[in-house]
Amino acid sequence: MENNNNKGQMQIELPHDVAKGEYSNLAIIAHSSSDFILDFATLMPGIPKATVRSRVIMAPEHAKRLLMALQENIVKYEKEFGTIQMRQSQKGIIAPFQINKNEA
């Protein structure tokens, strides 16, 4: 007999090696007419080279759904924890920190 409690629900498996996640403080986004490419990278202070840790490729419709889901979750986050403060560089590029070549 079919269980009515599971109708409309999806099961998602989260393997252990994926569950630990990857830290990223830089996202690079590109697109074509059929895909959005999101590269998540780690940029270390004093090192002018970032390392891409993960790449996600998705259809434009899914990219827009991701945008809407992020917006919804940011609104919820800010209601609970307060406004997220952003620093903006002079060029209008939002960066996690300044890169100074003489820092380690």
PDB file of N, CA and C in Angstrom:
ATOM      1  N   MET A   1       0.841  -1.183   0.000  1.00  0.00           N
ATOM      2  CA  MET A   1       0.000   0.000   0.000  1.00  0.00           C
ATOM      3  C   MET A   1       0.883   1.242   0.000  1.00  0.00           C
ATOM      4  N   GLU A   2       0.502   2.248  -0.752  1.00  0.00           N
ATOM      5  CA  GLU A   2       1.296   3.478  -0.893  1.00  0.00           C
ATOM      6  C   GLU A   2       1.147   4.360   0.343  1.00  0.00           C
ATOM      7  N   ASN A   3       2.276   4.941   0.777  1.00  0.00           N
ATOM      8  CA  ASN A   3       2.271   5.821   1.943  1.00  0.00           C
ATOM      9  C   ASN A   3       1.943   7.239   1.495  1.00  0.00           C
ATOM     10  N   ASN A   4       0.811   7.777   1.916  1.00  0.00           N
ATOM     11  CA  ASN A   4       0.367   9.114   1.512  1.00  0.00           C
ATOM     12  C   ASN A   4       1.202  10.231   2.118  1.00  0.00           C
ATOM     13  N   ASN A   5       1.964   9.947   3.174  1.00  0.00           N
ATOM     14  CA  ASN A   5       2.789  10.976   3.812  1.00  0.00           C
ATOM     15  C   ASN A   5       3.967  11.394   2.938  1.00  0.00           C
ATOM     16  N   ASN A   6       4.373  10.566   1.979  1.00  0.00           N
ATOM     17  CA  ASN A   6       5.533  10.853   1.151  1.00  0.00           C
ATOM     18  C   ASN A   6       5.179  11.448  -0.205  1.00  0.00           C
ATOM     19  N   LYS A   7       3.888  11.680  -0.467  1.00  0.00           N
ATOM     20  CA  LYS A   7       3.506  12.244  -1.764  1.00  0.00           C
ATOM     21  C   LYS A   7       4.035  13.664  -1.890  1.00  0.00           C
ATOM     22  N   GLY A   8       4.604  13.967  -3.047  1.00  0.00           N
ATOM     23  CA  GLY A   8       5.114  15.309  -3.302  1.00  0.00           C
ATOM     24  C   GLY A   8       6.437  15.607  -2.632  1.00  0.00           C
ATOM     25  N   GLN A   9       7.026  14.642  -1.962  1.00  0.00           N
ATOM     26  CA  GLN A   9       8.312  14.849  -1.304  1.00  0.00           C
ATOM     27  C   GLN A   9       9.414  14.139  -2.083  1.00  0.00           C
ATOM     28  N   MET A  10      10.608  14.690  -1.970  1.00  0.00           N
ATOM     29  CA  MET A  10      11.751  14.107  -2.656  1.00  0.00           C
ATOM     30  C   MET A  10      12.784  13.710  -1.613  1.00  0.00           C
ATOM     31  N   GLN A  11      13.445  12.621  -1.855  1.00  0.00           N
ATOM     32  CA  GLN A  11      14.528  12.195  -0.980  1.00  0.00           C
ATOM     33  C   GLN A  11      15.840  12.665  -1.582  1.00  0.00           C
ATOM     34  N   ILE A  12      16.697  13.233  -0.753  1.00  0.00           N
ATOM     35  CA  ILE A  12      17.993  13.723  -1.197  1.00  0.00           C
ATOM     36  C   ILE A  12      19.068  13.030  -0.377  1.00  0.00           C
ATOM     37  N   GLU A  13      20.004  12.419  -1.071  1.00  0.00           N
ATOM     38  CA  GLU A  13      21.127  11.757  -0.405  1.00  0.00           C
ATOM     39  C   GLU A  13      22.292  12.734  -0.332  1.00  0.00           C
ATOM     40  N   LEU A  14      22.909  12.840   0.817  1.00  0.00           N
ATOM     41  CA  LEU A  14      24.062  13.709   1.020  1.00  0.00           C
ATOM     42  C   LEU A  14      25.244  12.854   1.455  1.00  0.00           C
ATOM     43  N   PRO A  15      26.100  12.462   0.480  1.00  0.00           N
ATOM     44  CA  PRO A  15      27.260  11.638   0.826  1.00  0.00           C
ATOM     45  C   PRO A  15      28.171  12.344   1.838  1.00  0.00           C
ATOM     46  N   HIS A  16      28.829  11.567   2.664  1.00  0.00           N
ATOM     47  CA  HIS A  16      29.674  12.102   3.732  1.00  0.00           C
ATOM     48  C   HIS A  16      30.749  13.053   3.201  1.00  0.00           C
ATOM     49  N   ASP A  17      31.410  12.702   2.099  1.00  0.00           N
ATOM     50  CA  ASP A  17      32.486  13.546   1.580  1.00  0.00           C
ATOM     51  C   ASP A  17      31.955  14.874   1.037  1.00  0.00           C
ATOM     52  N   VAL A  18      30.711  14.928   0.631  1.00  0.00           N
ATOM     53  CA  VAL A  18      30.105  16.170   0.151  1.00  0.00           C
ATOM     54  C   VAL A  18      29.562  16.977   1.341  1.00  0.00           C
ATOM     55  N   ALA A  19      29.085  16.297   2.362  1.00  0.00           N
ATOM     56  CA  ALA A  19      28.477  16.950   3.520  1.00  0.00           C
ATOM     57  C   ALA A  19      29.434  17.879   4.259  1.00  0.00           C
ATOM     58  N   LYS A  20      30.726  17.589   4.208  1.00  0.00           N
ATOM     59  CA  LYS A  20      31.683  18.449   4.903  1.00  0.00           C
ATOM     60  C   LYS A  20      31.811  19.807   4.226  1.00  0.00           C
ATOM     61  N   GLY A  21      31.452  19.894   2.953  1.00  0.00           N
ATOM     62  CA  GLY A  21      31.440  21.178   2.240  1.00  0.00           C
ATOM     63  C   GLY A  21      32.808  21.652   1.807  1.00  0.00           C
ATOM     64  N   GLU A  22      32.805  22.734   1.072  1.00  0.00           N
ATOM     65  CA  GLU A  22      34.020  23.416   0.625  1.00  0.00           C
ATOM     66  C   GLU A  22      33.881  24.890   0.976  1.00  0.00           C
ATOM     67  N   TYR A  23      34.878  25.481   1.610  1.00  0.00           N
ATOM     68  CA  TYR A  23      34.851  26.906   1.922  1.00  0.00           C
ATOM     69  C   TYR A  23      35.126  27.704   0.658  1.00  0.00           C
ATOM     70  N   SER A  24      34.348  28.751   0.452  1.00  0.00           N
ATOM     71  CA  SER A  24      34.542  29.633  -0.693  1.00  0.00           C
ATOM     72  C   SER A  24      34.299  31.074  -0.266  1.00  0.00           C
ATOM     73  N   ASN A  25      35.211  31.964  -0.649  1.00  0.00           N
ATOM     74  CA  ASN A  25      35.003  33.388  -0.394  1.00  0.00           C
ATOM     75  C   ASN A  25      35.047  34.186  -1.697  1.00  0.00           C
ATOM     76  N   LEU A  26      34.928  33.473  -2.822  1.00  0.00           N
ATOM     77  CA  LEU A  26      34.922  34.118  -4.125  1.00  0.00           C
ATOM     78  C   LEU A  26      34.082  33.279  -5.081  1.00  0.00           C
ATOM     79  N   ALA A  27      33.166  33.926  -5.783  1.00  0.00           N
ATOM     80  CA  ALA A  27      32.365  33.242  -6.801  1.00  0.00           C
ATOM     81  C   ALA A  27      32.557  33.958  -8.128  1.00  0.00           C
ATOM     82  N   ILE A  28      32.777  33.180  -9.167  1.00  0.00           N
ATOM     83  CA  ILE A  28      32.929  33.717 -10.510  1.00  0.00           C
ATOM     84  C   ILE A  28      31.765  33.154 -11.318  1.00  0.00           C
ATOM     85  N   ILE A  29      31.003  34.034 -11.942  1.00  0.00           N
ATOM     86  CA  ILE A  29      29.804  33.607 -12.655  1.00  0.00           C
ATOM     87  C   ILE A  29      29.932  33.971 -14.129  1.00  0.00           C
ATOM     88  N   ALA A  30      29.672  33.002 -14.986  1.00  0.00           N
ATOM     89  CA  ALA A  30      29.661  33.216 -16.431  1.00  0.00           C
ATOM     90  C   ALA A  30      28.394  32.566 -16.975  1.00  0.00           C
ATOM     91  N   HIS A  31      28.024  32.952 -18.187  1.00  0.00           N
ATOM     92  CA  HIS A  31      26.843  32.335 -18.778  1.00  0.00           C
ATOM     93  C   HIS A  31      26.923  32.319 -20.299  1.00  0.00           C
ATOM     94  N   SER A  32      26.162  31.401 -20.876  1.00  0.00           N
ATOM     95  CA  SER A  32      25.945  31.341 -22.318  1.00  0.00           C
ATOM     96  C   SER A  32      24.437  31.393 -22.503  1.00  0.00           C
ATOM     97  N   SER A  33      23.975  31.191 -23.701  1.00  0.00           N
ATOM     98  CA  SER A  33      22.531  31.212 -23.928  1.00  0.00           C
ATOM     99  C   SER A  33      21.829  30.025 -23.273  1.00  0.00           C
ATOM    100  N   SER A  34      22.571  28.971 -22.959  1.00  0.00           N
ATOM    101  CA  SER A  34      21.932  27.770 -22.416  1.00  0.00           C
ATOM    102  C   SER A  34      22.367  27.383 -21.010  1.00  0.00           C
ATOM    103  N   ASP A  35      23.424  27.992 -20.484  1.00  0.00           N
ATOM    104  CA  ASP A  35      23.946  27.582 -19.176  1.00  0.00           C
ATOM    105  C   ASP A  35      24.461  28.764 -18.367  1.00  0.00           C
ATOM    106  N   PHE A  36      24.407  28.598 -17.041  1.00  0.00           N
ATOM    107  CA  PHE A  36      25.116  29.476 -16.114  1.00  0.00           C
ATOM    108  C   PHE A  36      26.201  28.619 -15.476  1.00  0.00           C
ATOM    109  N   ILE A  37      27.400  29.167 -15.374  1.00  0.00           N
ATOM    110  CA  ILE A  37      28.524  28.463 -14.767  1.00  0.00           C
ATOM    111  C   ILE A  37      28.924  29.238 -13.524  1.00  0.00           C
ATOM    112  N   LEU A  38      28.901  28.574 -12.382  1.00  0.00           N
ATOM    113  CA  LEU A  38      29.284  29.186 -11.115  1.00  0.00           C
ATOM    114  C   LEU A  38      30.530  28.481 -10.606  1.00  0.00           C
ATOM    115  N   ASP A  39      31.636  29.202 -10.545  1.00  0.00           N
ATOM    116  CA  ASP A  39      32.874  28.680  -9.974  1.00  0.00           C
ATOM    117  C   ASP A  39      33.017  29.253  -8.573  1.00  0.00           C
ATOM    118  N   PHE A  40      33.197  28.377  -7.599  1.00  0.00           N
ATOM    119  CA  PHE A  40      33.399  28.789  -6.217  1.00  0.00           C
ATOM    120  C   PHE A  40      34.866  28.562  -5.885  1.00  0.00           C
ATOM    121  N   ALA A  41      35.523  29.625  -5.435  1.00  0.00           N
ATOM    122  CA  ALA A  41      36.968  29.588  -5.217  1.00  0.00           C
ATOM    123  C   ALA A  41      37.316  30.071  -3.818  1.00  0.00           C
ATOM    124  N   THR A  42      38.563  29.800  -3.447  1.00  0.00           N
ATOM    125  CA  THR A  42      39.109  30.281  -2.184  1.00  0.00           C
ATOM    126  C   THR A  42      40.265  31.212  -2.509  1.00  0.00           C
ATOM    127  N   LEU A  43      40.184  32.418  -1.979  1.00  0.00           N
ATOM    128  CA  LEU A  43      41.219  33.431  -2.171  1.00  0.00           C
ATOM    129  C   LEU A  43      41.859  33.691  -0.815  1.00  0.00           C
ATOM    130  N   MET A  44      43.170  33.497  -0.733  1.00  0.00           N
ATOM    131  CA  MET A  44      43.883  33.674   0.526  1.00  0.00           C
ATOM    132  C   MET A  44      44.544  35.043   0.564  1.00  0.00           C
ATOM    133  N   PRO A  45      44.581  35.687   1.744  1.00  0.00           N
ATOM    134  CA  PRO A  45      45.229  37.005   1.859  1.00  0.00           C
ATOM    135  C   PRO A  45      46.689  36.934   1.432  1.00  0.00           C
ATOM    136  N   GLY A  46      47.093  37.902   0.626  1.00  0.00           N
ATOM    137  CA  GLY A  46      48.481  37.992   0.201  1.00  0.00           C
ATOM    138  C   GLY A  46      48.858  37.092  -0.953  1.00  0.00           C
ATOM    139  N   ILE A  47      47.934  36.277  -1.405  1.00  0.00           N
ATOM    140  CA  ILE A  47      48.213  35.386  -2.529  1.00  0.00           C
ATOM    141  C   ILE A  47      47.288  35.784  -3.674  1.00  0.00           C
ATOM    142  N   PRO A  48      47.846  36.279  -4.776  1.00  0.00           N
ATOM    143  CA  PRO A  48      47.008  36.809  -5.857  1.00  0.00           C
ATOM    144  C   PRO A  48      46.383  35.740  -6.756  1.00  0.00           C
ATOM    145  N   LYS A  49      46.436  34.472  -6.343  1.00  0.00           N
ATOM    146  CA  LYS A  49      45.879  33.395  -7.149  1.00  0.00           C
ATOM    147  C   LYS A  49      44.816  32.658  -6.337  1.00  0.00           C
ATOM    148  N   ALA A  50      43.599  32.583  -6.897  1.00  0.00           N
ATOM    149  CA  ALA A  50      42.513  31.864  -6.236  1.00  0.00           C
ATOM    150  C   ALA A  50      42.456  30.442  -6.770  1.00  0.00           C
ATOM    151  N   THR A  51      41.980  29.530  -5.940  1.00  0.00           N
ATOM    152  CA  THR A  51      41.832  28.139  -6.342  1.00  0.00           C
ATOM    153  C   THR A  51      40.353  27.801  -6.428  1.00  0.00           C
ATOM    154  N   VAL A  52      39.900  27.359  -7.601  1.00  0.00           N
ATOM    155  CA  VAL A  52      38.505  26.954  -7.754  1.00  0.00           C
ATOM    156  C   VAL A  52      38.321  25.626  -7.026  1.00  0.00           C
ATOM    157  N   ARG A  53      37.345  25.594  -6.123  1.00  0.00           N
ATOM    158  CA  ARG A  53      37.074  24.401  -5.318  1.00  0.00           C
ATOM    159  C   ARG A  53      35.890  23.607  -5.865  1.00  0.00           C
ATOM    160  N   SER A  54      34.983  24.302  -6.557  1.00  0.00           N
ATOM    161  CA  SER A  54      33.789  23.630  -7.058  1.00  0.00           C
ATOM    162  C   SER A  54      33.217  24.409  -8.229  1.00  0.00           C
ATOM    163  N   ARG A  55      32.683  23.705  -9.199  1.00  0.00           N
ATOM    164  CA  ARG A  55      32.018  24.325 -10.344  1.00  0.00           C
ATOM    165  C   ARG A  55      30.614  23.737 -10.438  1.00  0.00           C
ATOM    166  N   VAL A  56      29.629  24.621 -10.570  1.00  0.00           N
ATOM    167  CA  VAL A  56      28.244  24.203 -10.735  1.00  0.00           C
ATOM    168  C   VAL A  56      27.745  24.781 -12.044  1.00  0.00           C
ATOM    169  N   ILE A  57      27.176  23.933 -12.888  1.00  0.00           N
ATOM    170  CA  ILE A  57      26.631  24.365 -14.173  1.00  0.00           C
ATOM    171  C   ILE A  57      25.134  24.101 -14.127  1.00  0.00           C
ATOM    172  N   MET A  58      24.345  25.120 -14.465  1.00  0.00           N
ATOM    173  CA  MET A  58      22.897  24.959 -14.408  1.00  0.00           C
ATOM    174  C   MET A  58      22.207  25.713 -15.535  1.00  0.00           C
ATOM    175  N   ALA A  59      20.989  25.300 -15.823  1.00  0.00           N
ATOM    176  CA  ALA A  59      20.167  25.946 -16.834  1.00  0.00           C
ATOM    177  C   ALA A  59      19.744  27.332 -16.321  1.00  0.00           C
ATOM    178  N   PRO A  60      19.469  28.276 -17.224  1.00  0.00           N
ATOM    179  CA  PRO A  60      19.049  29.622 -16.801  1.00  0.00           C
ATOM    180  C   PRO A  60      17.851  29.625 -15.848  1.00  0.00           C
ATOM    181  N   GLU A  61      16.878  28.748 -16.089  1.00  0.00           N
ATOM    182  CA  GLU A  61      15.706  28.703 -15.189  1.00  0.00           C
ATOM    183  C   GLU A  61      16.113  28.309 -13.776  1.00  0.00           C
ATOM    184  N   HIS A  62      17.051  27.378 -13.661  1.00  0.00           N
ATOM    185  CA  HIS A  62      17.501  26.953 -12.336  1.00  0.00           C
ATOM    186  C   HIS A  62      18.347  28.039 -11.678  1.00  0.00           C
ATOM    187  N   ALA A  63      19.113  28.769 -12.471  1.00  0.00           N
ATOM    188  CA  ALA A  63      19.891  29.882 -11.923  1.00  0.00           C
ATOM    189  C   ALA A  63      18.949  30.933 -11.336  1.00  0.00           C
ATOM    190  N   LYS A  64      17.851  31.198 -12.019  1.00  0.00           N
ATOM    191  CA  LYS A  64      16.890  32.180 -11.510  1.00  0.00           C
ATOM    192  C   LYS A  64      16.205  31.669 -10.246  1.00  0.00           C
ATOM    193  N   ARG A  65      15.904  30.366 -10.203  1.00  0.00           N
ATOM    194  CA  ARG A  65      15.333  29.785  -8.982  1.00  0.00           C
ATOM    195  C   ARG A  65      16.326  29.890  -7.820  1.00  0.00           C
ATOM    196  N   LEU A  66      17.608  29.672  -8.106  1.00  0.00           N
ATOM    197  CA  LEU A  66      18.638  29.812  -7.081  1.00  0.00           C
ATOM    198  C   LEU A  66      18.687  31.251  -6.569  1.00  0.00           C
ATOM    199  N   LEU A  67      18.635  32.220  -7.486  1.00  0.00           N
ATOM    200  CA  LEU A  67      18.621  33.632  -7.102  1.00  0.00           C
ATOM    201  C   LEU A  67      17.451  33.923  -6.164  1.00  0.00           C
ATOM    202  N   MET A  68      16.277  33.444  -6.520  1.00  0.00           N
ATOM    203  CA  MET A  68      15.088  33.691  -5.694  1.00  0.00           C
ATOM    204  C   MET A  68      15.202  33.000  -4.329  1.00  0.00           C
ATOM    205  N   ALA A  69      15.728  31.785  -4.308  1.00  0.00           N
ATOM    206  CA  ALA A  69      15.885  31.064  -3.041  1.00  0.00           C
ATOM    207  C   ALA A  69      16.917  31.743  -2.143  1.00  0.00           C
ATOM    208  N   LEU A  70      18.016  32.223  -2.728  1.00  0.00           N
ATOM    209  CA  LEU A  70      19.017  32.952  -1.946  1.00  0.00           C
ATOM    210  C   LEU A  70      18.420  34.232  -1.365  1.00  0.00           C
ATOM    211  N   GLN A  71      17.667  34.965  -2.188  1.00  0.00           N
ATOM    212  CA  GLN A  71      17.043  36.206  -1.720  1.00  0.00           C
ATOM    213  C   GLN A  71      16.100  35.929  -0.556  1.00  0.00           C
ATOM    214  N   GLU A  72      15.286  34.906  -0.689  1.00  0.00           N
ATOM    215  CA  GLU A  72      14.345  34.543   0.375  1.00  0.00           C
ATOM    216  C   GLU A  72      15.087  34.188   1.659  1.00  0.00           C
ATOM    217  N   ASN A  73      16.170  33.437   1.528  1.00  0.00           N
ATOM    218  CA  ASN A  73      16.923  33.037   2.711  1.00  0.00           C
ATOM    219  C   ASN A  73      17.711  34.184   3.323  1.00  0.00           C
ATOM    220  N   ILE A  74      18.196  35.111   2.523  1.00  0.00           N
ATOM    221  CA  ILE A  74      18.879  36.291   3.061  1.00  0.00           C
ATOM    222  C   ILE A  74      17.900  37.143   3.855  1.00  0.00           C
ATOM    223  N   VAL A  75      16.686  37.318   3.351  1.00  0.00           N
ATOM    224  CA  VAL A  75      15.654  38.075   4.079  1.00  0.00           C
ATOM    225  C   VAL A  75      15.390  37.407   5.429  1.00  0.00           C
ATOM    226  N   LYS A  76      15.234  36.088   5.447  1.00  0.00           N
ATOM    227  CA  LYS A  76      15.000  35.351   6.696  1.00  0.00           C
ATOM    228  C   LYS A  76      16.186  35.503   7.650  1.00  0.00           C
ATOM    229  N   TYR A  77      17.400  35.386   7.113  1.00  0.00           N
ATOM    230  CA  TYR A  77      18.611  35.522   7.921  1.00  0.00           C
ATOM    231  C   TYR A  77      18.668  36.899   8.579  1.00  0.00           C
ATOM    232  N   GLU A  78      18.437  37.945   7.778  1.00  0.00           N
ATOM    233  CA  GLU A  78      18.537  39.307   8.303  1.00  0.00           C
ATOM    234  C   GLU A  78      17.439  39.620   9.321  1.00  0.00           C
ATOM    235  N   LYS A  79      16.283  39.002   9.190  1.00  0.00           N
ATOM    236  CA  LYS A  79      15.232  39.172  10.200  1.00  0.00           C
ATOM    237  C   LYS A  79      15.674  38.587  11.531  1.00  0.00           C
ATOM    238  N   GLU A  80      16.400  37.478  11.473  1.00  0.00           N
ATOM    239  CA  GLU A  80      16.831  36.809  12.700  1.00  0.00           C
ATOM    240  C   GLU A  80      18.125  37.365  13.270  1.00  0.00           C
ATOM    241  N   PHE A  81      19.093  37.713  12.411  1.00  0.00           N
ATOM    242  CA  PHE A  81      20.427  38.072  12.875  1.00  0.00           C
ATOM    243  C   PHE A  81      20.832  39.518  12.593  1.00  0.00           C
ATOM    244  N   GLY A  82      20.029  40.269  11.859  1.00  0.00           N
ATOM    245  CA  GLY A  82      20.376  41.647  11.523  1.00  0.00           C
ATOM    246  C   GLY A  82      20.938  41.765  10.112  1.00  0.00           C
ATOM    247  N   THR A  83      21.046  42.991   9.661  1.00  0.00           N
ATOM    248  CA  THR A  83      21.490  43.288   8.307  1.00  0.00           C
ATOM    249  C   THR A  83      22.915  42.815   8.068  1.00  0.00           C
ATOM    250  N   ILE A  84      23.133  42.198   6.943  1.00  0.00           N
ATOM    251  CA  ILE A  84      24.473  41.774   6.528  1.00  0.00           C
ATOM    252  C   ILE A  84      25.173  43.008   5.963  1.00  0.00           C
ATOM    253  N   GLN A  85      26.296  43.365   6.546  1.00  0.00           N
ATOM    254  CA  GLN A  85      27.040  44.543   6.103  1.00  0.00           C
ATOM    255  C   GLN A  85      27.951  44.173   4.946  1.00  0.00           C
ATOM    256  N   MET A  86      27.973  45.018   3.931  1.00  0.00           N
ATOM    257  CA  MET A  86      28.797  44.780   2.745  1.00  0.00           C
ATOM    258  C   MET A  86      29.847  45.870   2.631  1.00  0.00           C
ATOM    259  N   ARG A  87      31.069  45.456   2.278  1.00  0.00           N
ATOM    260  CA  ARG A  87      32.114  46.413   1.930  1.00  0.00           C
ATOM    261  C   ARG A  87      32.240  46.411   0.427  1.00  0.00           C
ATOM    262  N   GLN A  88      32.380  47.580  -0.158  1.00  0.00           N
ATOM    263  CA  GLN A  88      32.501  47.664  -1.605  1.00  0.00           C
ATOM    264  C   GLN A  88      33.785  48.395  -1.954  1.00  0.00           C
ATOM    265  N   SER A  89      34.520  47.836  -2.910  1.00  0.00           N
ATOM    266  CA  SER A  89      35.772  48.459  -3.323  1.00  0.00           C
ATOM    267  C   SER A  89      35.488  49.681  -4.185  1.00  0.00           C
ATOM    268  N   GLN A  90      36.510  50.437  -4.476  1.00  0.00           N
ATOM    269  CA  GLN A  90      36.372  51.644  -5.278  1.00  0.00           C
ATOM    270  C   GLN A  90      35.906  51.336  -6.693  1.00  0.00           C
ATOM    271  N   LYS A  91      36.214  50.172  -7.213  1.00  0.00           N
ATOM    272  CA  LYS A  91      35.836  49.808  -8.576  1.00  0.00           C
ATOM    273  C   LYS A  91      34.435  49.218  -8.638  1.00  0.00           C
ATOM    274  N   GLY A  92      33.760  49.105  -7.501  1.00  0.00           N
ATOM    275  CA  GLY A  92      32.425  48.538  -7.487  1.00  0.00           C
ATOM    276  C   GLY A  92      32.402  47.025  -7.394  1.00  0.00           C
ATOM    277  N   ILE A  93      33.573  46.423  -7.231  1.00  0.00           N
ATOM    278  CA  ILE A  93      33.654  44.976  -7.097  1.00  0.00           C
ATOM    279  C   ILE A  93      33.643  44.634  -5.618  1.00  0.00           C
ATOM    280  N   ILE A  94      32.771  43.759  -5.250  1.00  0.00           N
ATOM    281  CA  ILE A  94      32.681  43.364  -3.850  1.00  0.00           C
ATOM    282  C   ILE A  94      33.690  42.262  -3.610  1.00  0.00           C
ATOM    283  N   ALA A  95      34.615  42.498  -2.703  1.00  0.00           N
ATOM    284  CA  ALA A  95      35.662  41.523  -2.419  1.00  0.00           C
ATOM    285  C   ALA A  95      35.683  41.221  -0.924  1.00  0.00           C
ATOM    286  N   PRO A  96      36.100  40.010  -0.567  1.00  0.00           N
ATOM    287  CA  PRO A  96      36.153  39.658   0.847  1.00  0.00           C
ATOM    288  C   PRO A  96      37.253  40.395   1.602  1.00  0.00           C
ATOM    289  N   PHE A  97      38.320  40.756   0.917  1.00  0.00           N
ATOM    290  CA  PHE A  97      39.413  41.501   1.520  1.00  0.00           C
ATOM    291  C   PHE A  97      40.306  42.043   0.420  1.00  0.00           C
ATOM    292  N   GLN A  98      41.156  42.979   0.767  1.00  0.00           N
ATOM    293  CA  GLN A  98      42.085  43.554  -0.195  1.00  0.00           C
ATOM    294  C   GLN A  98      43.274  42.623  -0.367  1.00  0.00           C
ATOM    295  N   ILE A  99      43.817  42.577  -1.567  1.00  0.00           N
ATOM    296  CA  ILE A  99      45.005  41.757  -1.832  1.00  0.00           C
ATOM    297  C   ILE A  99      46.217  42.670  -1.853  1.00  0.00           C
ATOM    298  N   ASN A 100      47.075  42.494  -0.872  1.00  0.00           N
ATOM    299  CA  ASN A 100      48.343  43.228  -0.820  1.00  0.00           C
ATOM    300  C   ASN A 100      49.452  42.221  -1.067  1.00  0.00           C
ATOM    301  N   LYS A 101      50.276  42.483  -2.075  1.00  0.00           N
ATOM    302  CA  LYS A 101      51.285  41.524  -2.505  1.00  0.00           C
ATOM    303  C   LYS A 101      52.312  41.197  -1.416  1.00  0.00           C
ATOM    304  N   ASN A 102      52.524  42.097  -0.463  1.00  0.00           N
ATOM    305  CA  ASN A 102      53.549  41.862   0.551  1.00  0.00           C
ATOM    306  C   ASN A 102      53.013  41.194   1.802  1.00  0.00           C
ATOM    307  N   GLU A 103      51.731  40.810   1.799  1.00  0.00           N
ATOM    308  CA  GLU A 103      51.181  40.113   2.957  1.00  0.00           C
ATOM    309  C   GLU A 103      51.319  38.614   2.780  1.00  0.00           C
ATOM    310  N   ALA A 104      51.373  37.914   3.887  1.00  0.00           N
ATOM    311  CA  ALA A 104      51.414  36.438   3.823  1.00  0.00           C
ATOM    312  C   ALA A 104      50.159  35.885   4.444  1.00  0.00           C
TER     313      ALA A 104
END
